[in-house]
Amino acid sequence: WDAGERGLACLPGREAEFREGIAKAIEYAQALQCP
């Protein structure tokens, strides 16, 4: 984010990082009961 990136979903070649991010987001969503 600090370097100006605004998401990974459309970026070819960044799929592994995207998947790691989704796992982290779901972990937080479960802990915060965020739907």
PDB file of all heavy atoms in Angstrom:
ATOM      1  N   TRP A   1       0.830  -1.214   0.000  1.00  0.00           N
ATOM      2  CA  TRP A   1       0.000   0.000   0.000  1.00  0.00           C
ATOM      3  C   TRP A   1       0.859   1.256   0.000  1.00  0.00           C
ATOM      4  O   TRP A   1       0.589   2.209  -0.737  1.00  0.00           O
ATOM      5  CB  TRP A   1      -0.927  -0.030   1.211  1.00  0.00           C
ATOM      6  CG  TRP A   1      -1.890   1.108   1.307  1.00  0.00           C
ATOM      7  CD1 TRP A   1      -1.720   2.293   1.978  1.00  0.00           C
ATOM      8  CD2 TRP A   1      -3.198   1.176   0.719  1.00  0.00           C
ATOM      9  NE1 TRP A   1      -2.840   3.079   1.849  1.00  0.00           N
ATOM     10  CE2 TRP A   1      -3.757   2.418   1.080  1.00  0.00           C
ATOM     11  CE3 TRP A   1      -3.949   0.295  -0.061  1.00  0.00           C
ATOM     12  CZ2 TRP A   1      -5.036   2.810   0.676  1.00  0.00           C
ATOM     13  CZ3 TRP A   1      -5.225   0.689  -0.472  1.00  0.00           C
ATOM     14  CH2 TRP A   1      -5.750   1.923  -0.107  1.00  0.00           C
ATOM     15  N   ASP A   2       1.901   1.276   0.819  1.00  0.00           N
ATOM     16  CA  ASP A   2       2.738   2.474   0.941  1.00  0.00           C
ATOM     17  C   ASP A   2       3.485   2.779  -0.355  1.00  0.00           C
ATOM     18  O   ASP A   2       3.832   3.931  -0.613  1.00  0.00           O
ATOM     19  CB  ASP A   2       3.738   2.315   2.092  1.00  0.00           C
ATOM     20  CG  ASP A   2       3.038   2.289   3.451  1.00  0.00           C
ATOM     21  OD1 ASP A   2       1.903   2.805   3.542  1.00  0.00           O
ATOM     22  OD2 ASP A   2       3.624   1.737   4.408  1.00  0.00           O
ATOM     23  N   ALA A   3       3.700   1.754  -1.170  1.00  0.00           N
ATOM     24  CA  ALA A   3       4.360   1.952  -2.462  1.00  0.00           C
ATOM     25  C   ALA A   3       3.365   2.254  -3.580  1.00  0.00           C
ATOM     26  O   ALA A   3       3.752   2.394  -4.741  1.00  0.00           O
ATOM     27  CB  ALA A   3       5.182   0.719  -2.825  1.00  0.00           C
ATOM     28  N   GLY A   4       2.086   2.348  -3.215  1.00  0.00           N
ATOM     29  CA  GLY A   4       1.080   2.735  -4.200  1.00  0.00           C
ATOM     30  C   GLY A   4       0.231   1.603  -4.739  1.00  0.00           C
ATOM     31  O   GLY A   4      -0.645   1.841  -5.576  1.00  0.00           O
ATOM     32  N   GLU A   5       0.477   0.366  -4.284  1.00  0.00           N
ATOM     33  CA  GLU A   5      -0.365  -0.734  -4.765  1.00  0.00           C
ATOM     34  C   GLU A   5      -1.756  -0.641  -4.145  1.00  0.00           C
ATOM     35  O   GLU A   5      -1.907  -0.247  -2.984  1.00  0.00           O
ATOM     36  CB  GLU A   5       0.286  -2.082  -4.449  1.00  0.00           C
ATOM     37  CG  GLU A   5       1.543  -2.300  -5.288  1.00  0.00           C
ATOM     38  CD  GLU A   5       2.111  -3.707  -5.178  1.00  0.00           C
ATOM     39  OE1 GLU A   5       1.961  -4.338  -4.107  1.00  0.00           O
ATOM     40  OE2 GLU A   5       2.706  -4.162  -6.167  1.00  0.00           O
ATOM     41  N   ARG A   6      -2.754  -1.018  -4.928  1.00  0.00           N
ATOM     42  CA  ARG A   6      -4.146  -0.886  -4.500  1.00  0.00           C
ATOM     43  C   ARG A   6      -4.922  -2.179  -4.761  1.00  0.00           C
ATOM     44  O   ARG A   6      -6.034  -2.175  -5.254  1.00  0.00           O
ATOM     45  CB  ARG A   6      -4.804   0.303  -5.228  1.00  0.00           C
ATOM     46  CG  ARG A   6      -4.235   1.674  -4.843  1.00  0.00           C
ATOM     47  CD  ARG A   6      -4.515   1.982  -3.380  1.00  0.00           C
ATOM     48  NE  ARG A   6      -4.016   3.262  -2.936  1.00  0.00           N
ATOM     49  CZ  ARG A   6      -2.852   3.460  -2.310  1.00  0.00           C
ATOM     50  NH1 ARG A   6      -2.037   2.419  -2.078  1.00  0.00           N
ATOM     51  NH2 ARG A   6      -2.483   4.661  -1.898  1.00  0.00           N
ATOM     52  N   GLY A   7      -4.316  -3.288  -4.370  1.00  0.00           N
ATOM     53  CA  GLY A   7      -4.941  -4.589  -4.558  1.00  0.00           C
ATOM     54  C   GLY A   7      -4.126  -5.455  -5.495  1.00  0.00           C
ATOM     55  O   GLY A   7      -3.311  -4.959  -6.291  1.00  0.00           O
ATOM     56  N   LEU A   8      -4.350  -6.765  -5.396  1.00  0.00           N
ATOM     57  CA  LEU A   8      -3.571  -7.746  -6.157  1.00  0.00           C
ATOM     58  C   LEU A   8      -4.410  -8.563  -7.130  1.00  0.00           C
ATOM     59  O   LEU A   8      -3.853  -9.304  -7.944  1.00  0.00           O
ATOM     60  CB  LEU A   8      -2.879  -8.709  -5.179  1.00  0.00           C
ATOM     61  CG  LEU A   8      -1.911  -8.104  -4.172  1.00  0.00           C
ATOM     62  CD1 LEU A   8      -1.484  -9.173  -3.162  1.00  0.00           C
ATOM     63  CD2 LEU A   8      -0.697  -7.526  -4.876  1.00  0.00           C
ATOM     64  N   ALA A   9      -5.722  -8.456  -7.055  1.00  0.00           N
ATOM     65  CA  ALA A   9      -6.579  -9.419  -7.747  1.00  0.00           C
ATOM     66  C   ALA A   9      -6.373  -9.462  -9.251  1.00  0.00           C
ATOM     67  O   ALA A   9      -6.506 -10.518  -9.867  1.00  0.00           O
ATOM     68  CB  ALA A   9      -8.045  -9.135  -7.421  1.00  0.00           C
ATOM     69  N   CYS A  10      -6.042  -8.329  -9.875  1.00  0.00           N
ATOM     70  CA  CYS A  10      -5.917  -8.311 -11.335  1.00  0.00           C
ATOM     71  C   CYS A  10      -4.465  -8.431 -11.805  1.00  0.00           C
ATOM     72  O   CYS A  10      -4.203  -8.332 -13.006  1.00  0.00           O
ATOM     73  CB  CYS A  10      -6.563  -7.052 -11.921  1.00  0.00           C
ATOM     74  SG  CYS A  10      -5.543  -5.553 -11.848  1.00  0.00           S
ATOM     75  N   LEU A  11      -3.531  -8.657 -10.879  1.00  0.00           N
ATOM     76  CA  LEU A  11      -2.110  -8.603 -11.232  1.00  0.00           C
ATOM     77  C   LEU A  11      -1.569  -9.988 -11.598  1.00  0.00           C
ATOM     78  O   LEU A  11      -1.385 -10.838 -10.721  1.00  0.00           O
ATOM     79  CB  LEU A  11      -1.283  -8.024 -10.078  1.00  0.00           C
ATOM     80  CG  LEU A  11      -1.693  -6.636  -9.561  1.00  0.00           C
ATOM     81  CD1 LEU A  11      -0.693  -6.154  -8.526  1.00  0.00           C
ATOM     82  CD2 LEU A  11      -1.819  -5.637 -10.690  1.00  0.00           C
ATOM     83  N   PRO A  12      -1.286 -10.247 -12.883  1.00  0.00           N
ATOM     84  CA  PRO A  12      -0.708 -11.528 -13.273  1.00  0.00           C
ATOM     85  C   PRO A  12       0.641 -11.744 -12.584  1.00  0.00           C
ATOM     86  O   PRO A  12       1.443 -10.803 -12.450  1.00  0.00           O
ATOM     87  CB  PRO A  12      -0.528 -11.396 -14.788  1.00  0.00           C
ATOM     88  CG  PRO A  12      -1.487 -10.317 -15.202  1.00  0.00           C
ATOM     89  CD  PRO A  12      -1.520  -9.361 -14.043  1.00  0.00           C
ATOM     90  N   GLY A  13       0.884 -12.959 -12.123  1.00  0.00           N
ATOM     91  CA  GLY A  13       2.157 -13.296 -11.495  1.00  0.00           C
ATOM     92  C   GLY A  13       2.181 -13.096  -9.989  1.00  0.00           C
ATOM     93  O   GLY A  13       3.166 -13.445  -9.336  1.00  0.00           O
ATOM     94  N   ARG A  14       1.105 -12.545  -9.416  1.00  0.00           N
ATOM     95  CA  ARG A  14       1.072 -12.287  -7.966  1.00  0.00           C
ATOM     96  C   ARG A  14       0.058 -13.207  -7.266  1.00  0.00           C
ATOM     97  O   ARG A  14      -0.363 -12.931  -6.143  1.00  0.00           O
ATOM     98  CB  ARG A  14       0.713 -10.819  -7.701  1.00  0.00           C
ATOM     99  CG  ARG A  14       1.650  -9.793  -8.336  1.00  0.00           C
ATOM    100  CD  ARG A  14       2.955  -9.637  -7.582  1.00  0.00           C
ATOM    101  NE  ARG A  14       2.785  -9.041  -6.282  1.00  0.00           N
ATOM    102  CZ  ARG A  14       2.697  -7.714  -6.054  1.00  0.00           C
ATOM    103  NH1 ARG A  14       2.751  -6.863  -7.060  1.00  0.00           N
ATOM    104  NH2 ARG A  14       2.566  -7.259  -4.817  1.00  0.00           N
ATOM    105  N   GLU A  15      -0.309 -14.292  -7.933  1.00  0.00           N
ATOM    106  CA  GLU A  15      -1.374 -15.155  -7.412  1.00  0.00           C
ATOM    107  C   GLU A  15      -1.036 -15.754  -6.047  1.00  0.00           C
ATOM    108  O   GLU A  15      -1.915 -15.848  -5.176  1.00  0.00           O
ATOM    109  CB  GLU A  15      -1.694 -16.276  -8.413  1.00  0.00           C
ATOM    110  CG  GLU A  15      -2.399 -15.810  -9.676  1.00  0.00           C
ATOM    111  CD  GLU A  15      -1.451 -15.299 -10.760  1.00  0.00           C
ATOM    112  OE1 GLU A  15      -0.217 -15.219 -10.501  1.00  0.00           O
ATOM    113  OE2 GLU A  15      -1.941 -14.983 -11.857  1.00  0.00           O
ATOM    114  N   ALA A  16       0.198 -16.164  -5.852  1.00  0.00           N
ATOM    115  CA  ALA A  16       0.577 -16.784  -4.568  1.00  0.00           C
ATOM    116  C   ALA A  16       0.416 -15.789  -3.424  1.00  0.00           C
ATOM    117  O   ALA A  16      -0.120 -16.128  -2.358  1.00  0.00           O
ATOM    118  CB  ALA A  16       2.007 -17.308  -4.628  1.00  0.00           C
ATOM    119  N   GLU A  17       0.843 -14.550  -3.654  1.00  0.00           N
ATOM    120  CA  GLU A  17       0.704 -13.508  -2.632  1.00  0.00           C
ATOM    121  C   GLU A  17      -0.771 -13.196  -2.383  1.00  0.00           C
ATOM    122  O   GLU A  17      -1.195 -12.981  -1.243  1.00  0.00           O
ATOM    123  CB  GLU A  17       1.448 -12.252  -3.075  1.00  0.00           C
ATOM    124  CG  GLU A  17       1.502 -11.161  -2.033  1.00  0.00           C
ATOM    125  CD  GLU A  17       2.242  -9.908  -2.523  1.00  0.00           C
ATOM    126  OE1 GLU A  17       2.907  -9.968  -3.574  1.00  0.00           O
ATOM    127  OE2 GLU A  17       2.124  -8.872  -1.845  1.00  0.00           O
ATOM    128  N   PHE A  18      -1.553 -13.180  -3.465  1.00  0.00           N
ATOM    129  CA  PHE A  18      -2.997 -12.947  -3.323  1.00  0.00           C
ATOM    130  C   PHE A  18      -3.626 -14.015  -2.432  1.00  0.00           C
ATOM    131  O   PHE A  18      -4.399 -13.712  -1.520  1.00  0.00           O
ATOM    132  CB  PHE A  18      -3.661 -12.946  -4.705  1.00  0.00           C
ATOM    133  CG  PHE A  18      -5.160 -12.811  -4.648  1.00  0.00           C
ATOM    134  CD1 PHE A  18      -5.749 -11.562  -4.547  1.00  0.00           C
ATOM    135  CD2 PHE A  18      -5.982 -13.934  -4.684  1.00  0.00           C
ATOM    136  CE1 PHE A  18      -7.133 -11.433  -4.467  1.00  0.00           C
ATOM    137  CE2 PHE A  18      -7.366 -13.817  -4.613  1.00  0.00           C
ATOM    138  CZ  PHE A  18      -7.941 -12.560  -4.507  1.00  0.00           C
ATOM    139  N   ARG A  19      -3.270 -15.278  -2.659  1.00  0.00           N
ATOM    140  CA  ARG A  19      -3.865 -16.380  -1.889  1.00  0.00           C
ATOM    141  C   ARG A  19      -3.458 -16.314  -0.415  1.00  0.00           C
ATOM    142  O   ARG A  19      -4.274 -16.585   0.467  1.00  0.00           O
ATOM    143  CB  ARG A  19      -3.473 -17.724  -2.520  1.00  0.00           C
ATOM    144  CG  ARG A  19      -4.147 -17.940  -3.866  1.00  0.00           C
ATOM    145  CD  ARG A  19      -3.833 -19.295  -4.476  1.00  0.00           C
ATOM    146  NE  ARG A  19      -4.620 -19.488  -5.686  1.00  0.00           N
ATOM    147  CZ  ARG A  19      -5.020 -20.666  -6.148  1.00  0.00           C
ATOM    148  NH1 ARG A  19      -4.709 -21.776  -5.486  1.00  0.00           N
ATOM    149  NH2 ARG A  19      -5.735 -20.754  -7.252  1.00  0.00           N
ATOM    150  N   GLU A  20      -2.223 -15.948  -0.167  1.00  0.00           N
ATOM    151  CA  GLU A  20      -1.781 -15.764   1.223  1.00  0.00           C
ATOM    152  C   GLU A  20      -2.600 -14.670   1.900  1.00  0.00           C
ATOM    153  O   GLU A  20      -2.997 -14.790   3.070  1.00  0.00           O
ATOM    154  CB  GLU A  20      -0.297 -15.399   1.264  1.00  0.00           C
ATOM    155  CG  GLU A  20       0.642 -16.541   0.923  1.00  0.00           C
ATOM    156  CD  GLU A  20       2.093 -16.075   0.787  1.00  0.00           C
ATOM    157  OE1 GLU A  20       2.383 -14.918   1.177  1.00  0.00           O
ATOM    158  OE2 GLU A  20       2.913 -16.857   0.279  1.00  0.00           O
ATOM    159  N   GLY A  21      -2.841 -13.595   1.158  1.00  0.00           N
ATOM    160  CA  GLY A  21      -3.621 -12.477   1.698  1.00  0.00           C
ATOM    161  C   GLY A  21      -5.055 -12.875   2.002  1.00  0.00           C
ATOM    162  O   GLY A  21      -5.625 -12.461   3.023  1.00  0.00           O
ATOM    163  N   ILE A  22      -5.648 -13.677   1.144  1.00  0.00           N
ATOM    164  CA  ILE A  22      -7.028 -14.133   1.376  1.00  0.00           C
ATOM    165  C   ILE A  22      -7.094 -14.995   2.631  1.00  0.00           C
ATOM    166  O   ILE A  22      -8.013 -14.866   3.451  1.00  0.00           O
ATOM    167  CB  ILE A  22      -7.565 -14.888   0.148  1.00  0.00           C
ATOM    168  CG1 ILE A  22      -7.742 -13.917  -1.029  1.00  0.00           C
ATOM    169  CG2 ILE A  22      -8.874 -15.601   0.470  1.00  0.00           C
ATOM    170  CD1 ILE A  22      -8.702 -12.766  -0.790  1.00  0.00           C
ATOM    171  N   ALA A  23      -6.112 -15.874   2.803  1.00  0.00           N
ATOM    172  CA  ALA A  23      -6.085 -16.713   4.006  1.00  0.00           C
ATOM    173  C   ALA A  23      -6.011 -15.853   5.268  1.00  0.00           C
ATOM    174  O   ALA A  23      -6.714 -16.112   6.255  1.00  0.00           O
ATOM    175  CB  ALA A  23      -4.897 -17.676   3.943  1.00  0.00           C
ATOM    176  N   LYS A  24      -5.179 -14.821   5.208  1.00  0.00           N
ATOM    177  CA  LYS A  24      -5.032 -13.920   6.361  1.00  0.00           C
ATOM    178  C   LYS A  24      -6.328 -13.155   6.615  1.00  0.00           C
ATOM    179  O   LYS A  24      -6.768 -12.999   7.768  1.00  0.00           O
ATOM    180  CB  LYS A  24      -3.876 -12.953   6.108  1.00  0.00           C
ATOM    181  CG  LYS A  24      -3.480 -12.109   7.300  1.00  0.00           C
ATOM    182  CD  LYS A  24      -2.233 -11.295   6.973  1.00  0.00           C
ATOM    183  CE  LYS A  24      -1.681 -10.587   8.186  1.00  0.00           C
ATOM    184  NZ  LYS A  24      -0.456  -9.820   7.854  1.00  0.00           N
ATOM    185  N   ALA A  25      -6.955 -12.685   5.552  1.00  0.00           N
ATOM    186  CA  ALA A  25      -8.196 -11.922   5.692  1.00  0.00           C
ATOM    187  C   ALA A  25      -9.304 -12.781   6.296  1.00  0.00           C
ATOM    188  O   ALA A  25     -10.059 -12.321   7.170  1.00  0.00           O
ATOM    189  CB  ALA A  25      -8.627 -11.370   4.333  1.00  0.00           C
ATOM    190  N   ILE A  26      -9.407 -14.022   5.852  1.00  0.00           N
ATOM    191  CA  ILE A  26     -10.440 -14.917   6.381  1.00  0.00           C
ATOM    192  C   ILE A  26     -10.177 -15.217   7.858  1.00  0.00           C
ATOM    193  O   ILE A  26     -11.117 -15.272   8.667  1.00  0.00           O
ATOM    194  CB  ILE A  26     -10.518 -16.205   5.541  1.00  0.00           C
ATOM    195  CG1 ILE A  26     -11.103 -15.889   4.158  1.00  0.00           C
ATOM    196  CG2 ILE A  26     -11.362 -17.269   6.240  1.00  0.00           C
ATOM    197  CD1 ILE A  26     -11.045 -17.033   3.174  1.00  0.00           C
ATOM    198  N   GLU A  27      -8.919 -15.374   8.212  1.00  0.00           N
ATOM    199  CA  GLU A  27      -8.557 -15.603   9.616  1.00  0.00           C
ATOM    200  C   GLU A  27      -9.033 -14.441  10.489  1.00  0.00           C
ATOM    201  O   GLU A  27      -9.640 -14.643  11.548  1.00  0.00           O
ATOM    202  CB  GLU A  27      -7.034 -15.760   9.702  1.00  0.00           C
ATOM    203  CG  GLU A  27      -6.484 -16.103  11.053  1.00  0.00           C
ATOM    204  CD  GLU A  27      -4.962 -16.186  11.016  1.00  0.00           C
ATOM    205  OE1 GLU A  27      -4.411 -16.836  10.110  1.00  0.00           O
ATOM    206  OE2 GLU A  27      -4.334 -15.579  11.901  1.00  0.00           O
ATOM    207  N   TYR A  28      -8.782 -13.205  10.021  1.00  0.00           N
ATOM    208  CA  TYR A  28      -9.234 -12.022  10.760  1.00  0.00           C
ATOM    209  C   TYR A  28     -10.762 -11.935  10.767  1.00  0.00           C
ATOM    210  O   TYR A  28     -11.368 -11.605  11.799  1.00  0.00           O
ATOM    211  CB  TYR A  28      -8.639 -10.750  10.154  1.00  0.00           C
ATOM    212  CG  TYR A  28      -7.353 -10.304  10.801  1.00  0.00           C
ATOM    213  CD1 TYR A  28      -6.137 -10.891  10.458  1.00  0.00           C
ATOM    214  CD2 TYR A  28      -7.338  -9.309  11.763  1.00  0.00           C
ATOM    215  CE1 TYR A  28      -4.949 -10.491  11.056  1.00  0.00           C
ATOM    216  CE2 TYR A  28      -6.160  -8.894  12.365  1.00  0.00           C
ATOM    217  CZ  TYR A  28      -4.968  -9.486  12.010  1.00  0.00           C
ATOM    218  OH  TYR A  28      -3.798  -9.084  12.610  1.00  0.00           O
ATOM    219  N   ALA A  29     -11.382 -12.232   9.636  1.00  0.00           N
ATOM    220  CA  ALA A  29     -12.842 -12.136   9.557  1.00  0.00           C
ATOM    221  C   ALA A  29     -13.508 -13.090  10.540  1.00  0.00           C
ATOM    222  O   ALA A  29     -14.510 -12.743  11.178  1.00  0.00           O
ATOM    223  CB  ALA A  29     -13.307 -12.417   8.138  1.00  0.00           C
ATOM    224  N   GLN A  30     -12.964 -14.285  10.666  1.00  0.00           N
ATOM    225  CA  GLN A  30     -13.515 -15.240  11.634  1.00  0.00           C
ATOM    226  C   GLN A  30     -13.350 -14.728  13.066  1.00  0.00           C
ATOM    227  O   GLN A  30     -14.279 -14.794  13.864  1.00  0.00           O
ATOM    228  CB  GLN A  30     -12.829 -16.587  11.475  1.00  0.00           C
ATOM    229  CG  GLN A  30     -13.210 -17.338  10.208  1.00  0.00           C
ATOM    230  CD  GLN A  30     -12.499 -18.677  10.128  1.00  0.00           C
ATOM    231  OE1 GLN A  30     -11.371 -18.772   9.655  1.00  0.00           O
ATOM    232  NE2 GLN A  30     -13.156 -19.714  10.612  1.00  0.00           N
ATOM    233  N   ALA A  31     -12.173 -14.201  13.366  1.00  0.00           N
ATOM    234  CA  ALA A  31     -11.912 -13.714  14.727  1.00  0.00           C
ATOM    235  C   ALA A  31     -12.795 -12.521  15.074  1.00  0.00           C
ATOM    236  O   ALA A  31     -13.190 -12.341  16.229  1.00  0.00           O
ATOM    237  CB  ALA A  31     -10.439 -13.341  14.863  1.00  0.00           C
ATOM    238  N   LEU A  32     -13.108 -11.688  14.065  1.00  0.00           N
ATOM    239  CA  LEU A  32     -13.897 -10.476  14.295  1.00  0.00           C
ATOM    240  C   LEU A  32     -15.378 -10.671  13.974  1.00  0.00           C
ATOM    241  O   LEU A  32     -16.151  -9.707  14.052  1.00  0.00           O
ATOM    242  CB  LEU A  32     -13.328  -9.328  13.450  1.00  0.00           C
ATOM    243  CG  LEU A  32     -11.852  -9.003  13.677  1.00  0.00           C
ATOM    244  CD1 LEU A  32     -11.392  -7.891  12.742  1.00  0.00           C
ATOM    245  CD2 LEU A  32     -11.589  -8.623  15.134  1.00  0.00           C
ATOM    246  N   GLN A  33     -15.746 -11.908  13.604  1.00  0.00           N
ATOM    247  CA  GLN A  33     -17.127 -12.206  13.203  1.00  0.00           C
ATOM    248  C   GLN A  33     -17.608 -11.231  12.122  1.00  0.00           C
ATOM    249  O   GLN A  33     -18.743 -10.718  12.162  1.00  0.00           O
ATOM    250  CB  GLN A  33     -18.061 -12.198  14.413  1.00  0.00           C
ATOM    251  CG  GLN A  33     -17.685 -13.241  15.450  1.00  0.00           C
ATOM    252  CD  GLN A  33     -18.600 -13.244  16.668  1.00  0.00           C
ATOM    253  OE1 GLN A  33     -19.724 -12.766  16.609  1.00  0.00           O
ATOM    254  NE2 GLN A  33     -18.115 -13.778  17.775  1.00  0.00           N
ATOM    255  N   CYS A  34     -16.732 -10.982  11.163  1.00  0.00           N
ATOM    256  CA  CYS A  34     -17.020 -10.035  10.076  1.00  0.00           C
ATOM    257  C   CYS A  34     -17.501 -10.812   8.849  1.00  0.00           C
ATOM    258  O   CYS A  34     -16.785 -11.684   8.354  1.00  0.00           O
ATOM    259  CB  CYS A  34     -15.765  -9.228   9.742  1.00  0.00           C
ATOM    260  SG  CYS A  34     -16.025  -8.029   8.421  1.00  0.00           S
ATOM    261  N   PRO A  35     -18.672 -10.489   8.329  1.00  0.00           N
ATOM    262  CA  PRO A  35     -19.240 -11.286   7.235  1.00  0.00           C
ATOM    263  C   PRO A  35     -18.849 -10.851   5.828  1.00  0.00           C
ATOM    264  O   PRO A  35     -19.285 -11.455   4.861  1.00  0.00           O
ATOM    265  CB  PRO A  35     -20.749 -11.105   7.432  1.00  0.00           C
ATOM    266  CG  PRO A  35     -20.866  -9.728   8.013  1.00  0.00           C
ATOM    267  CD  PRO A  35     -19.646  -9.525   8.866  1.00  0.00           C
TER     268      PRO A  35
END
